[in-house]
Amino acid sequence: FIHILPAAMNALTDECLPEGWKEYEAYAGLFAMLAILAMQLIEFIAHHQLQRVLIHETKVVIEEAQTQSAIIPIESSQQHGHSHGLSLLQDSHNHRVTTYLLEFGIAAHSVLIGVALGTDDGSHFIVLFITLCFHQFFEAIALGAQISQLNNKSILPAIFMVSFFALTTPVGIAIGIGVHLNTYNPKSLVAL
């Protein structure tokens, strides 16, 4: 975010932009704030949906417990007054939502930096490629740590998430190369 904002501010004051873009100088900041608000909205909606699922699951657990307590005689049951099961379930669901949002954000970012690498005209390619390799390496470690903490019953979701991450940058590079070969002009409005 921080390393892209100055370049965006510079690009959004370029001469090739129509006059309407030149009337307000802080479009980059506006778009950054709108992106942050959109991310907050997506996270709020995801957690709201999670809460609805947890309420439903809690009702099911309570109904099952009431059914079993009607069957088991009171003398044979021992309780100590509280339960940690629902709290752990909520923590697990919160971690799952956070991991999926992280995966989505990293995937979108990886496609965009792949496009930037694919459209590079060669003057900064080596530096950009080395930077991208280090950047993706550390993103992979962070995402892998989050994925490894998910309580999946199967390894398939983890394999899918890792594969999805591994393919996003090459897809972005392919898109960038396709754009670069066909219609790319670094001084055009489309390039911005």
N, C-alpha and C. Protein backbone atom coordinates (compact mmCIF):
# COMPACT_ATOMS: atom_id res chain seq x y z
N PHE A 1 0.83 -1.19 0.00
CA PHE A 1 0.00 0.00 0.00
C PHE A 1 0.87 1.26 0.00
N ILE A 2 1.77 1.34 0.96
CA ILE A 2 2.58 2.55 1.11
C ILE A 2 3.52 2.74 -0.08
N HIS A 3 4.10 1.64 -0.60
CA HIS A 3 5.05 1.79 -1.70
C HIS A 3 4.36 2.02 -3.04
N ILE A 4 3.07 1.82 -3.12
CA ILE A 4 2.34 2.02 -4.37
C ILE A 4 1.68 3.39 -4.43
N LEU A 5 1.33 3.95 -3.29
CA LEU A 5 0.58 5.21 -3.25
C LEU A 5 1.30 6.38 -3.94
N PRO A 6 2.59 6.62 -3.71
CA PRO A 6 3.25 7.73 -4.43
C PRO A 6 3.24 7.54 -5.95
N ALA A 7 3.46 6.32 -6.40
CA ALA A 7 3.43 6.06 -7.85
C ALA A 7 2.02 6.29 -8.41
N ALA A 8 1.01 5.90 -7.64
CA ALA A 8 -0.37 6.12 -8.08
C ALA A 8 -0.69 7.61 -8.13
N MET A 9 -0.21 8.35 -7.15
CA MET A 9 -0.44 9.80 -7.15
C MET A 9 0.21 10.45 -8.37
N ASN A 10 1.40 9.98 -8.71
CA ASN A 10 2.10 10.50 -9.87
C ASN A 10 1.37 10.11 -11.16
N ALA A 11 0.94 8.86 -11.25
CA ALA A 11 0.28 8.38 -12.47
C ALA A 11 -1.06 9.06 -12.69
N LEU A 12 -1.77 9.38 -11.63
CA LEU A 12 -3.09 9.99 -11.78
C LEU A 12 -3.03 11.50 -12.01
N THR A 13 -1.83 12.02 -12.21
CA THR A 13 -1.67 13.41 -12.64
C THR A 13 -0.98 13.47 -14.00
N ASP A 14 -0.92 12.35 -14.69
CA ASP A 14 -0.25 12.26 -15.99
C ASP A 14 -0.96 13.11 -17.03
N GLU A 15 -0.20 13.58 -18.00
CA GLU A 15 -0.72 14.45 -19.06
C GLU A 15 -1.74 13.76 -19.96
N CYS A 16 -1.66 12.43 -20.07
CA CYS A 16 -2.56 11.74 -21.00
C CYS A 16 -3.99 11.61 -20.46
N LEU A 17 -4.20 11.95 -19.20
CA LEU A 17 -5.53 11.85 -18.61
C LEU A 17 -6.43 12.99 -19.10
N PRO A 18 -7.73 12.73 -19.21
CA PRO A 18 -8.67 13.79 -19.59
C PRO A 18 -8.68 14.92 -18.55
N GLU A 19 -9.21 16.06 -18.92
CA GLU A 19 -9.21 17.24 -18.05
C GLU A 19 -9.92 17.01 -16.72
N GLY A 20 -10.97 16.19 -16.70
CA GLY A 20 -11.71 15.92 -15.47
C GLY A 20 -10.84 15.32 -14.38
N TRP A 21 -9.84 14.57 -14.77
CA TRP A 21 -8.93 13.96 -13.80
C TRP A 21 -7.94 14.96 -13.23
N LYS A 22 -7.76 16.07 -13.90
CA LYS A 22 -6.77 17.05 -13.46
C LYS A 22 -7.36 18.09 -12.49
N GLU A 23 -8.68 18.11 -12.37
CA GLU A 23 -9.32 19.09 -11.49
C GLU A 23 -9.12 18.77 -10.01
N TYR A 24 -8.98 17.51 -9.69
CA TYR A 24 -8.81 17.08 -8.30
C TYR A 24 -7.51 16.29 -8.22
N GLU A 25 -6.61 16.67 -7.35
CA GLU A 25 -5.27 16.10 -7.33
C GLU A 25 -5.11 14.87 -6.44
N ALA A 26 -6.11 14.54 -5.67
CA ALA A 26 -5.95 13.46 -4.68
C ALA A 26 -6.77 12.22 -5.02
N TYR A 27 -6.93 11.91 -6.29
CA TYR A 27 -7.70 10.72 -6.66
C TYR A 27 -7.07 9.45 -6.11
N ALA A 28 -5.75 9.38 -6.07
CA ALA A 28 -5.09 8.17 -5.54
C ALA A 28 -5.48 7.95 -4.09
N GLY A 29 -5.48 9.00 -3.29
CA GLY A 29 -5.90 8.89 -1.90
C GLY A 29 -7.37 8.51 -1.78
N LEU A 30 -8.20 9.10 -2.64
CA LEU A 30 -9.63 8.76 -2.65
C LEU A 30 -9.83 7.28 -2.95
N PHE A 31 -9.15 6.79 -3.98
CA PHE A 31 -9.30 5.38 -4.35
C PHE A 31 -8.75 4.46 -3.26
N ALA A 32 -7.66 4.88 -2.61
CA ALA A 32 -7.11 4.08 -1.51
C ALA A 32 -8.12 3.99 -0.37
N MET A 33 -8.73 5.12 -0.02
CA MET A 33 -9.73 5.11 1.06
C MET A 33 -10.96 4.29 0.67
N LEU A 34 -11.40 4.39 -0.58
CA LEU A 34 -12.54 3.58 -1.03
C LEU A 34 -12.21 2.10 -0.97
N ALA A 35 -10.97 1.75 -1.32
CA ALA A 35 -10.56 0.34 -1.24
C ALA A 35 -10.56 -0.15 0.20
N ILE A 36 -10.08 0.69 1.11
CA ILE A 36 -10.08 0.31 2.53
C ILE A 36 -11.50 0.14 3.04
N LEU A 37 -12.39 1.06 2.67
CA LEU A 37 -13.79 0.93 3.08
C LEU A 37 -14.43 -0.33 2.49
N ALA A 38 -14.11 -0.63 1.23
CA ALA A 38 -14.65 -1.85 0.61
C ALA A 38 -14.15 -3.10 1.34
N MET A 39 -12.88 -3.11 1.73
CA MET A 39 -12.35 -4.25 2.47
C MET A 39 -13.05 -4.39 3.82
N GLN A 40 -13.29 -3.28 4.49
CA GLN A 40 -13.99 -3.32 5.77
C GLN A 40 -15.41 -3.83 5.59
N LEU A 41 -16.08 -3.40 4.53
CA LEU A 41 -17.44 -3.86 4.25
C LEU A 41 -17.47 -5.36 3.98
N ILE A 42 -16.52 -5.84 3.18
CA ILE A 42 -16.46 -7.27 2.89
C ILE A 42 -16.22 -8.06 4.17
N GLU A 43 -15.31 -7.59 5.02
CA GLU A 43 -15.05 -8.30 6.28
C GLU A 43 -16.27 -8.26 7.20
N PHE A 44 -16.95 -7.12 7.26
CA PHE A 44 -18.16 -7.01 8.09
C PHE A 44 -19.23 -7.98 7.62
N ILE A 45 -19.46 -8.03 6.31
CA ILE A 45 -20.47 -8.94 5.77
C ILE A 45 -20.09 -10.39 6.04
N ALA A 46 -18.83 -10.72 5.86
CA ALA A 46 -18.38 -12.10 6.10
C ALA A 46 -18.59 -12.49 7.56
N HIS A 47 -18.23 -11.61 8.47
CA HIS A 47 -18.41 -11.93 9.89
C HIS A 47 -19.88 -11.93 10.29
N HIS A 48 -20.70 -11.10 9.65
CA HIS A 48 -22.14 -11.12 9.91
C HIS A 48 -22.74 -12.46 9.48
N GLN A 49 -22.34 -12.92 8.30
CA GLN A 49 -22.81 -14.22 7.83
C GLN A 49 -22.33 -15.33 8.77
N LEU A 50 -21.10 -15.23 9.23
CA LEU A 50 -20.56 -16.19 10.18
C LEU A 50 -21.40 -16.22 11.45
N GLN A 51 -21.77 -15.06 11.94
CA GLN A 51 -22.57 -14.98 13.16
C GLN A 51 -23.92 -15.66 12.96
N ARG A 52 -24.52 -15.49 11.79
CA ARG A 52 -25.80 -16.15 11.51
C ARG A 52 -25.64 -17.67 11.52
N VAL A 53 -24.55 -18.16 10.93
CA VAL A 53 -24.29 -19.60 10.92
C VAL A 53 -24.08 -20.10 12.34
N LEU A 54 -23.31 -19.36 13.13
CA LEU A 54 -23.04 -19.77 14.51
C LEU A 54 -24.31 -19.78 15.36
N ILE A 55 -25.19 -18.82 15.16
CA ILE A 55 -26.46 -18.80 15.90
C ILE A 55 -27.27 -20.04 15.57
N HIS A 56 -27.31 -20.39 14.28
CA HIS A 56 -28.05 -21.58 13.87
C HIS A 56 -27.42 -22.84 14.47
N GLU A 57 -26.09 -22.95 14.40
CA GLU A 57 -25.40 -24.12 14.96
C GLU A 57 -25.58 -24.19 16.48
N THR A 58 -25.60 -23.05 17.14
CA THR A 58 -25.81 -23.02 18.59
C THR A 58 -27.19 -23.54 18.95
N LYS A 59 -28.20 -23.12 18.17
CA LYS A 59 -29.56 -23.61 18.42
C LYS A 59 -29.64 -25.12 18.26
N VAL A 60 -28.96 -25.64 17.24
CA VAL A 60 -28.96 -27.09 17.02
C VAL A 60 -28.30 -27.81 18.20
N VAL A 61 -27.16 -27.29 18.66
CA VAL A 61 -26.45 -27.90 19.79
C VAL A 61 -27.31 -27.86 21.05
N ILE A 62 -27.96 -26.73 21.30
CA ILE A 62 -28.82 -26.60 22.48
C ILE A 62 -29.99 -27.57 22.42
N GLU A 63 -30.60 -27.68 21.24
CA GLU A 63 -31.72 -28.61 21.09
C GLU A 63 -31.27 -30.05 21.32
N GLU A 64 -30.09 -30.41 20.80
CA GLU A 64 -29.57 -31.77 21.02
C GLU A 64 -29.27 -32.00 22.50
N ALA A 65 -28.71 -30.99 23.16
CA ALA A 65 -28.39 -31.12 24.59
C ALA A 65 -29.67 -31.26 25.41
N GLN A 66 -30.71 -30.52 25.04
CA GLN A 66 -31.97 -30.63 25.76
C GLN A 66 -32.60 -31.99 25.55
N THR A 67 -32.49 -32.51 24.34
CA THR A 67 -33.03 -33.84 24.06
C THR A 67 -32.28 -34.89 24.86
N GLN A 68 -30.95 -34.80 24.91
CA GLN A 68 -30.17 -35.78 25.67
C GLN A 68 -30.36 -35.63 27.16
N SER A 69 -30.54 -34.42 27.66
CA SER A 69 -30.74 -34.25 29.10
C SER A 69 -32.09 -34.80 29.53
N ALA A 70 -33.04 -34.83 28.61
CA ALA A 70 -34.34 -35.43 28.93
C ALA A 70 -34.22 -36.94 29.03
N ILE A 71 -33.25 -37.52 28.32
CA ILE A 71 -33.06 -38.97 28.32
C ILE A 71 -32.20 -39.41 29.49
N ILE A 72 -31.13 -38.66 29.81
CA ILE A 72 -30.18 -39.05 30.86
C ILE A 72 -30.72 -38.61 32.22
N PRO A 73 -30.77 -39.51 33.18
CA PRO A 73 -31.22 -39.12 34.52
C PRO A 73 -30.29 -38.07 35.13
N ILE A 74 -30.85 -37.19 35.91
CA ILE A 74 -30.11 -36.09 36.50
C ILE A 74 -28.98 -36.58 37.40
N GLU A 75 -29.20 -37.67 38.13
CA GLU A 75 -28.18 -38.15 39.05
C GLU A 75 -26.91 -38.58 38.33
N SER A 76 -27.03 -39.08 37.09
CA SER A 76 -25.86 -39.61 36.40
C SER A 76 -25.10 -38.55 35.61
N SER A 77 -25.64 -37.35 35.50
CA SER A 77 -24.94 -36.33 34.73
C SER A 77 -24.20 -35.39 35.66
N GLN A 78 -22.99 -35.02 35.26
CA GLN A 78 -22.19 -34.09 36.05
C GLN A 78 -21.89 -32.87 35.21
N GLN A 79 -22.12 -31.71 35.78
CA GLN A 79 -21.84 -30.46 35.07
C GLN A 79 -21.08 -29.54 35.99
N HIS A 80 -20.24 -28.69 35.41
CA HIS A 80 -19.53 -27.72 36.23
C HIS A 80 -19.94 -26.29 35.90
N GLY A 81 -21.02 -26.12 35.18
CA GLY A 81 -21.62 -24.80 35.05
C GLY A 81 -21.39 -24.03 33.77
N HIS A 82 -20.39 -24.38 32.96
CA HIS A 82 -20.19 -23.66 31.72
C HIS A 82 -19.52 -24.55 30.68
N SER A 83 -19.53 -24.05 29.44
CA SER A 83 -18.98 -24.84 28.33
C SER A 83 -18.08 -23.96 27.48
N HIS A 84 -17.05 -24.58 26.94
CA HIS A 84 -16.12 -23.86 26.06
C HIS A 84 -16.31 -24.23 24.60
N GLY A 85 -17.16 -25.17 24.32
CA GLY A 85 -17.31 -25.69 22.96
C GLY A 85 -17.75 -24.64 21.96
N LEU A 86 -18.76 -23.84 22.31
CA LEU A 86 -19.27 -22.85 21.37
C LEU A 86 -18.27 -21.72 21.15
N SER A 87 -17.53 -21.36 22.19
CA SER A 87 -16.51 -20.33 22.05
C SER A 87 -15.40 -20.80 21.11
N LEU A 88 -14.99 -22.05 21.25
CA LEU A 88 -13.97 -22.60 20.35
C LEU A 88 -14.49 -22.68 18.92
N LEU A 89 -15.77 -23.01 18.77
CA LEU A 89 -16.37 -23.07 17.44
C LEU A 89 -16.37 -21.69 16.79
N GLN A 90 -16.71 -20.66 17.56
CA GLN A 90 -16.71 -19.31 17.03
C GLN A 90 -15.30 -18.87 16.65
N ASP A 91 -14.31 -19.17 17.49
CA ASP A 91 -12.92 -18.84 17.17
C ASP A 91 -12.47 -19.53 15.89
N SER A 92 -12.86 -20.78 15.72
CA SER A 92 -12.50 -21.53 14.52
C SER A 92 -13.13 -20.90 13.28
N HIS A 93 -14.39 -20.52 13.38
CA HIS A 93 -15.06 -19.88 12.24
C HIS A 93 -14.45 -18.50 11.94
N ASN A 94 -14.14 -17.73 12.98
CA ASN A 94 -13.50 -16.42 12.76
C ASN A 94 -12.16 -16.58 12.06
N HIS A 95 -11.38 -17.58 12.47
CA HIS A 95 -10.08 -17.83 11.84
C HIS A 95 -10.27 -18.24 10.38
N ARG A 96 -11.29 -19.04 10.11
CA ARG A 96 -11.56 -19.48 8.74
C ARG A 96 -11.91 -18.27 7.86
N VAL A 97 -12.79 -17.39 8.34
CA VAL A 97 -13.16 -16.20 7.57
C VAL A 97 -11.94 -15.32 7.33
N THR A 98 -11.14 -15.11 8.36
CA THR A 98 -9.94 -14.29 8.23
C THR A 98 -8.97 -14.89 7.21
N THR A 99 -8.81 -16.20 7.24
CA THR A 99 -7.91 -16.87 6.29
C THR A 99 -8.42 -16.75 4.87
N TYR A 100 -9.72 -16.92 4.66
CA TYR A 100 -10.29 -16.79 3.32
C TYR A 100 -10.16 -15.36 2.80
N LEU A 101 -10.38 -14.37 3.67
CA LEU A 101 -10.21 -12.98 3.25
C LEU A 101 -8.75 -12.68 2.92
N LEU A 102 -7.84 -13.21 3.71
CA LEU A 102 -6.42 -13.05 3.42
C LEU A 102 -6.07 -13.67 2.07
N GLU A 103 -6.57 -14.87 1.83
CA GLU A 103 -6.33 -15.56 0.55
C GLU A 103 -6.85 -14.72 -0.62
N PHE A 104 -8.06 -14.20 -0.47
CA PHE A 104 -8.65 -13.39 -1.54
C PHE A 104 -7.83 -12.12 -1.79
N GLY A 105 -7.44 -11.44 -0.73
CA GLY A 105 -6.65 -10.22 -0.88
C GLY A 105 -5.30 -10.47 -1.51
N ILE A 106 -4.63 -11.52 -1.06
CA ILE A 106 -3.32 -11.86 -1.62
C ILE A 106 -3.47 -12.29 -3.08
N ALA A 107 -4.52 -13.04 -3.40
CA ALA A 107 -4.72 -13.48 -4.78
C ALA A 107 -4.96 -12.30 -5.71
N ALA A 108 -5.81 -11.36 -5.30
CA ALA A 108 -6.07 -10.18 -6.13
C ALA A 108 -4.78 -9.37 -6.31
N HIS A 109 -4.04 -9.19 -5.24
CA HIS A 109 -2.77 -8.47 -5.29
C HIS A 109 -1.77 -9.18 -6.20
N SER A 110 -1.73 -10.51 -6.12
CA SER A 110 -0.78 -11.28 -6.93
C SER A 110 -1.09 -11.18 -8.42
N VAL A 111 -2.37 -11.16 -8.77
CA VAL A 111 -2.73 -10.99 -10.18
C VAL A 111 -2.28 -9.62 -10.65
N LEU A 112 -2.52 -8.59 -9.86
CA LEU A 112 -2.14 -7.23 -10.26
C LEU A 112 -0.63 -7.07 -10.41
N ILE A 113 0.15 -7.62 -9.48
CA ILE A 113 1.60 -7.49 -9.63
C ILE A 113 2.10 -8.37 -10.77
N GLY A 114 1.40 -9.47 -11.06
CA GLY A 114 1.74 -10.28 -12.23
C GLY A 114 1.51 -9.50 -13.52
N VAL A 115 0.40 -8.77 -13.58
CA VAL A 115 0.12 -7.93 -14.75
C VAL A 115 1.21 -6.86 -14.89
N ALA A 116 1.61 -6.26 -13.77
CA ALA A 116 2.67 -5.24 -13.82
C ALA A 116 3.97 -5.83 -14.36
N LEU A 117 4.30 -7.05 -13.93
CA LEU A 117 5.52 -7.70 -14.43
C LEU A 117 5.38 -8.05 -15.91
N GLY A 118 4.22 -8.55 -16.30
CA GLY A 118 4.00 -8.94 -17.69
C GLY A 118 4.00 -7.77 -18.66
N THR A 119 3.59 -6.59 -18.20
CA THR A 119 3.56 -5.43 -19.08
C THR A 119 4.85 -4.61 -19.04
N ASP A 120 5.80 -4.99 -18.19
CA ASP A 120 7.05 -4.23 -18.10
C ASP A 120 7.78 -4.29 -19.43
N ASP A 121 8.32 -3.15 -19.84
CA ASP A 121 8.99 -3.07 -21.14
C ASP A 121 10.44 -3.54 -21.12
N GLY A 122 10.92 -3.99 -19.98
CA GLY A 122 12.27 -4.55 -19.91
C GLY A 122 13.24 -3.71 -19.12
N SER A 123 12.95 -2.44 -18.94
CA SER A 123 13.91 -1.58 -18.26
C SER A 123 14.02 -1.89 -16.76
N HIS A 124 12.95 -2.34 -16.16
CA HIS A 124 12.96 -2.65 -14.74
C HIS A 124 12.64 -4.12 -14.48
N PHE A 125 12.64 -4.93 -15.51
CA PHE A 125 12.15 -6.30 -15.38
C PHE A 125 12.92 -7.10 -14.32
N ILE A 126 14.23 -7.08 -14.37
CA ILE A 126 15.03 -7.91 -13.45
C ILE A 126 14.81 -7.49 -12.00
N VAL A 127 14.84 -6.20 -11.74
CA VAL A 127 14.61 -5.71 -10.38
C VAL A 127 13.20 -6.06 -9.92
N LEU A 128 12.22 -5.85 -10.80
CA LEU A 128 10.83 -6.16 -10.46
C LEU A 128 10.64 -7.65 -10.23
N PHE A 129 11.29 -8.47 -11.03
CA PHE A 129 11.16 -9.93 -10.89
C PHE A 129 11.76 -10.41 -9.56
N ILE A 130 12.94 -9.92 -9.22
CA ILE A 130 13.58 -10.32 -7.95
C ILE A 130 12.74 -9.84 -6.77
N THR A 131 12.26 -8.62 -6.84
CA THR A 131 11.40 -8.09 -5.77
C THR A 131 10.14 -8.91 -5.64
N LEU A 132 9.55 -9.26 -6.76
CA LEU A 132 8.32 -10.06 -6.76
C LEU A 132 8.56 -11.44 -6.15
N CYS A 133 9.69 -12.05 -6.45
CA CYS A 133 10.00 -13.37 -5.88
C CYS A 133 10.09 -13.31 -4.36
N PHE A 134 10.81 -12.33 -3.83
CA PHE A 134 10.90 -12.18 -2.37
C PHE A 134 9.53 -11.88 -1.77
N HIS A 135 8.81 -10.99 -2.42
CA HIS A 135 7.49 -10.59 -1.93
C HIS A 135 6.55 -11.79 -1.87
N GLN A 136 6.51 -12.56 -2.93
CA GLN A 136 5.63 -13.73 -2.98
C GLN A 136 6.07 -14.80 -1.99
N PHE A 137 7.37 -14.92 -1.77
CA PHE A 137 7.88 -15.89 -0.81
C PHE A 137 7.33 -15.61 0.59
N PHE A 138 7.41 -14.35 1.00
CA PHE A 138 6.94 -14.01 2.35
C PHE A 138 5.41 -14.05 2.44
N GLU A 139 4.72 -13.70 1.37
CA GLU A 139 3.26 -13.86 1.37
C GLU A 139 2.90 -15.34 1.49
N ALA A 140 3.65 -16.19 0.81
CA ALA A 140 3.37 -17.64 0.87
C ALA A 140 3.58 -18.18 2.28
N ILE A 141 4.61 -17.71 2.96
CA ILE A 141 4.84 -18.15 4.34
C ILE A 141 3.68 -17.72 5.24
N ALA A 142 3.27 -16.46 5.12
CA ALA A 142 2.17 -15.95 5.95
C ALA A 142 0.87 -16.70 5.66
N LEU A 143 0.56 -16.87 4.38
CA LEU A 143 -0.67 -17.57 4.02
C LEU A 143 -0.61 -19.04 4.42
N GLY A 144 0.54 -19.67 4.22
CA GLY A 144 0.70 -21.08 4.62
C GLY A 144 0.52 -21.27 6.11
N ALA A 145 1.03 -20.33 6.91
CA ALA A 145 0.85 -20.42 8.36
C ALA A 145 -0.63 -20.33 8.73
N GLN A 146 -1.35 -19.44 8.07
CA GLN A 146 -2.79 -19.31 8.35
C GLN A 146 -3.55 -20.56 7.91
N ILE A 147 -3.23 -21.07 6.74
CA ILE A 147 -3.92 -22.26 6.21
C ILE A 147 -3.64 -23.46 7.10
N SER A 148 -2.41 -23.58 7.60
CA SER A 148 -2.06 -24.75 8.43
C SER A 148 -2.82 -24.76 9.75
N GLN A 149 -3.31 -23.62 10.19
CA GLN A 149 -4.04 -23.55 11.45
C GLN A 149 -5.54 -23.81 11.29
N LEU A 150 -6.00 -23.95 10.05
CA LEU A 150 -7.42 -24.28 9.85
C LEU A 150 -7.67 -25.71 10.29
N ASN A 151 -8.80 -25.93 10.88
CA ASN A 151 -9.16 -27.28 11.35
C ASN A 151 -9.99 -27.99 10.29
N ASN A 152 -9.36 -28.29 9.17
CA ASN A 152 -10.06 -29.00 8.10
C ASN A 152 -10.03 -30.50 8.37
N LYS A 153 -11.12 -31.15 8.03
CA LYS A 153 -11.19 -32.60 8.19
C LYS A 153 -10.43 -33.30 7.07
N SER A 154 -10.21 -32.57 5.98
CA SER A 154 -9.52 -33.12 4.82
C SER A 154 -8.39 -32.17 4.44
N ILE A 155 -7.41 -32.68 3.74
CA ILE A 155 -6.30 -31.84 3.28
C ILE A 155 -6.64 -31.13 1.96
N LEU A 156 -7.73 -31.52 1.32
CA LEU A 156 -8.09 -30.96 0.02
C LEU A 156 -8.31 -29.44 0.04
N PRO A 157 -9.00 -28.87 1.04
CA PRO A 157 -9.13 -27.40 1.03
C PRO A 157 -7.78 -26.69 1.10
N ALA A 158 -6.86 -27.22 1.88
CA ALA A 158 -5.52 -26.61 1.97
C ALA A 158 -4.79 -26.71 0.64
N ILE A 159 -4.89 -27.86 -0.01
CA ILE A 159 -4.25 -28.03 -1.33
C ILE A 159 -4.85 -27.07 -2.34
N PHE A 160 -6.18 -26.91 -2.31
CA PHE A 160 -6.84 -25.98 -3.22
C PHE A 160 -6.37 -24.55 -2.97
N MET A 161 -6.31 -24.14 -1.70
CA MET A 161 -5.91 -22.77 -1.39
C MET A 161 -4.46 -22.49 -1.79
N VAL A 162 -3.57 -23.44 -1.53
CA VAL A 162 -2.16 -23.27 -1.90
C VAL A 162 -2.02 -23.24 -3.42
N SER A 163 -2.73 -24.11 -4.12
CA SER A 163 -2.67 -24.14 -5.58
C SER A 163 -3.22 -22.84 -6.17
N PHE A 164 -4.31 -22.35 -5.60
CA PHE A 164 -4.90 -21.09 -6.06
C PHE A 164 -3.89 -19.95 -5.93
N PHE A 165 -3.22 -19.89 -4.78
CA PHE A 165 -2.21 -18.85 -4.57
C PHE A 165 -1.07 -19.01 -5.57
N ALA A 166 -0.63 -20.24 -5.79
CA ALA A 166 0.51 -20.49 -6.68
C ALA A 166 0.20 -20.10 -8.13
N LEU A 167 -1.06 -20.14 -8.53
CA LEU A 167 -1.43 -19.85 -9.91
C LEU A 167 -1.76 -18.38 -10.18
N THR A 168 -2.02 -17.60 -9.15
CA THR A 168 -2.50 -16.24 -9.39
C THR A 168 -1.46 -15.34 -10.05
N THR A 169 -0.23 -15.37 -9.60
CA THR A 169 0.79 -14.51 -10.22
C THR A 169 1.08 -14.93 -11.65
N PRO A 170 1.25 -16.23 -11.96
CA PRO A 170 1.44 -16.60 -13.37
C PRO A 170 0.26 -16.20 -14.26
N VAL A 171 -0.95 -16.28 -13.74
CA VAL A 171 -2.11 -15.83 -14.52
C VAL A 171 -2.00 -14.33 -14.78
N GLY A 172 -1.63 -13.56 -13.76
CA GLY A 172 -1.44 -12.13 -13.94
C GLY A 172 -0.34 -11.82 -14.95
N ILE A 173 0.76 -12.57 -14.89
CA ILE A 173 1.85 -12.37 -15.85
C ILE A 173 1.37 -12.67 -17.27
N ALA A 174 0.61 -13.75 -17.43
CA ALA A 174 0.07 -14.11 -18.76
C ALA A 174 -0.85 -13.00 -19.28
N ILE A 175 -1.69 -12.47 -18.42
CA ILE A 175 -2.57 -11.36 -18.83
C ILE A 175 -1.71 -10.16 -19.24
N GLY A 176 -0.71 -9.84 -18.43
CA GLY A 176 0.17 -8.72 -18.74
C GLY A 176 0.92 -8.89 -20.05
N ILE A 177 1.42 -10.10 -20.29
CA ILE A 177 2.12 -10.36 -21.56
C ILE A 177 1.16 -10.23 -22.73
N GLY A 178 -0.05 -10.77 -22.57
CA GLY A 178 -1.05 -10.66 -23.64
C GLY A 178 -1.39 -9.21 -23.94
N VAL A 179 -1.56 -8.41 -22.92
CA VAL A 179 -1.85 -6.98 -23.12
C VAL A 179 -0.65 -6.29 -23.75
N HIS A 180 0.54 -6.60 -23.27
CA HIS A 180 1.76 -5.96 -23.77
C HIS A 180 1.99 -6.27 -25.24
N LEU A 181 1.75 -7.50 -25.65
CA LEU A 181 1.99 -7.89 -27.04
C LEU A 181 0.96 -7.31 -27.99
N ASN A 182 -0.26 -7.13 -27.53
CA ASN A 182 -1.33 -6.71 -28.44
C ASN A 182 -1.53 -5.20 -28.51
N THR A 183 -1.75 -4.57 -27.39
CA THR A 183 -2.18 -3.17 -27.45
C THR A 183 -1.48 -2.26 -26.47
N TYR A 184 -0.44 -2.70 -25.83
CA TYR A 184 0.12 -1.92 -24.72
C TYR A 184 0.98 -0.77 -25.20
N ASN A 185 0.64 0.42 -24.74
CA ASN A 185 1.45 1.61 -24.94
C ASN A 185 1.67 2.22 -23.56
N PRO A 186 2.89 2.21 -23.04
CA PRO A 186 3.12 2.66 -21.66
C PRO A 186 2.72 4.12 -21.41
N LYS A 187 2.56 4.91 -22.45
CA LYS A 187 2.18 6.32 -22.29
C LYS A 187 0.69 6.55 -22.52
N SER A 188 -0.07 5.47 -22.64
CA SER A 188 -1.50 5.62 -22.93
C SER A 188 -2.33 5.68 -21.66
N LEU A 189 -3.57 6.04 -21.83
CA LEU A 189 -4.53 6.09 -20.72
C LEU A 189 -4.78 4.70 -20.16
N VAL A 190 -4.79 3.68 -21.02
CA VAL A 190 -5.04 2.30 -20.59
C VAL A 190 -3.91 1.81 -19.68
N ALA A 191 -2.69 2.23 -19.94
CA ALA A 191 -1.54 1.79 -19.13
C ALA A 191 -1.64 2.28 -17.69
N LEU A 192 -2.28 3.41 -17.50
CA LEU A 192 -2.41 3.93 -16.13
C LEU A 192 -3.38 3.08 -15.36
